[in-house]
Amino acid sequence: MSNIINFPGIENEQKKIQEQAKAAVNIVMSAMMESKNFDLLPFSSVDIEILSDFGEGMTFDPLVASRLISSLATEIKKLRIEILKDDNGKI
């Protein structure tokens, strides 16, 4: 997603779509992170993209926010391990 400039007095369809996507990801992330199996649920590419682009402006309940941080950090850790593995599967 890209940044969209919203001019006063002009309705911008792309901005509406972005706002709807942000709201949807907020709902999905909240539901995922409130689940008892939150640590097993995968993130979609769209979820990651929206969080990357707009995460600092999104608001989550404290439990959801802390679980989201934990889950994303775990994903980053797994990816780093995969990147650092050599051809023999050793780090």
Protein backbone atom coordinates (compact mmCIF):
# COMPACT_ATOMS: atom_id res chain seq x y z
CA MET A 1 0.00 0.00 0.00
CA SER A 2 1.20 3.46 -0.69
CA ASN A 3 0.59 6.79 0.94
CA ILE A 4 -2.39 8.54 -0.55
CA ILE A 5 -2.82 12.30 -0.51
CA ASN A 6 -6.32 13.38 0.41
CA PHE A 7 -7.26 16.79 -1.02
CA PRO A 8 -9.94 18.75 0.86
CA GLY A 9 -13.37 18.60 -0.71
CA ILE A 10 -12.49 15.66 -2.97
CA GLU A 11 -13.58 12.15 -2.12
CA ASN A 12 -10.71 9.73 -2.69
CA GLU A 13 -11.75 6.12 -3.31
CA GLN A 14 -8.23 4.79 -2.65
CA LYS A 15 -8.19 6.41 0.79
CA LYS A 16 -11.53 4.75 1.59
CA ILE A 17 -10.10 1.38 0.55
CA GLN A 18 -7.02 1.90 2.75
CA GLU A 19 -9.16 2.89 5.74
CA GLN A 20 -11.34 -0.19 5.27
CA ALA A 21 -8.25 -2.42 5.02
CA LYS A 22 -6.81 -0.91 8.22
CA ALA A 23 -10.10 -1.45 10.06
CA ALA A 24 -10.33 -5.04 8.82
CA VAL A 25 -6.76 -5.86 9.86
CA ASN A 26 -7.37 -4.27 13.26
CA ILE A 27 -10.40 -6.54 13.77
CA VAL A 28 -8.59 -9.64 12.49
CA MET A 29 -5.47 -8.99 14.59
CA SER A 30 -7.56 -8.38 17.70
CA ALA A 31 -9.50 -11.62 17.18
CA MET A 32 -6.31 -13.59 16.48
CA MET A 33 -4.44 -12.24 19.48
CA GLU A 34 -7.40 -12.74 21.85
CA SER A 35 -7.50 -16.42 20.86
CA LYS A 36 -5.99 -18.93 23.28
CA ASN A 37 -3.89 -20.26 20.38
CA PHE A 38 -2.65 -16.82 19.31
CA ASP A 39 0.94 -18.04 19.02
CA LEU A 40 0.00 -20.67 16.42
CA LEU A 41 -1.98 -18.46 14.04
CA PRO A 42 -0.24 -17.28 10.85
CA PHE A 43 -0.05 -13.69 9.62
CA SER A 44 -1.13 -13.00 6.05
CA SER A 45 0.92 -10.85 3.71
CA VAL A 46 -1.81 -8.21 3.80
CA ASP A 47 -1.76 -8.16 7.63
CA ILE A 48 2.00 -7.62 7.63
CA GLU A 49 1.80 -4.93 4.95
CA ILE A 50 -0.94 -2.97 6.76
CA LEU A 51 0.88 -3.24 10.10
CA SER A 52 4.09 -2.11 8.42
CA ASP A 53 2.50 0.86 6.70
CA PHE A 54 0.04 2.01 9.37
CA GLY A 55 0.86 0.18 12.62
CA GLU A 56 2.07 3.26 14.48
CA GLY A 57 -1.34 4.86 14.01
CA MET A 58 -3.36 1.79 14.96
CA THR A 59 -4.71 1.21 18.46
CA PHE A 60 -4.99 -2.19 20.14
CA ASP A 61 -5.97 -3.33 23.63
CA PRO A 62 -2.88 -3.88 25.83
CA LEU A 63 -3.18 -7.69 25.74
CA VAL A 64 -3.59 -7.72 21.96
CA ALA A 65 -0.65 -5.32 21.52
CA SER A 66 1.70 -7.34 23.72
CA ARG A 67 0.74 -10.63 22.07
CA LEU A 68 1.14 -9.05 18.64
CA ILE A 69 4.63 -7.85 19.53
CA SER A 70 5.53 -11.28 20.87
CA SER A 71 4.17 -13.12 17.83
CA LEU A 72 5.86 -10.81 15.33
CA ALA A 73 9.17 -11.04 17.20
CA THR A 74 8.90 -14.84 17.12
CA GLU A 75 8.32 -14.73 13.35
CA ILE A 76 11.38 -12.50 12.88
CA LYS A 77 13.47 -14.85 15.02
CA LYS A 78 12.39 -17.87 12.94
CA LEU A 79 13.21 -16.06 9.69
CA ARG A 80 16.64 -15.01 10.97
CA ILE A 81 17.45 -18.58 11.92
CA GLU A 82 16.40 -19.77 8.44
CA ILE A 83 18.54 -17.10 6.78
CA LEU A 84 21.58 -17.93 8.91
CA LYS A 85 21.43 -21.68 8.30
CA ASP A 86 24.09 -23.01 5.96
CA ASP A 87 23.57 -25.75 3.39
CA ASN A 88 23.91 -28.41 6.10
CA GLY A 89 21.14 -26.89 8.23
CA LYS A 90 23.57 -25.53 10.83
CA ILE A 91 23.77 -21.97 12.06
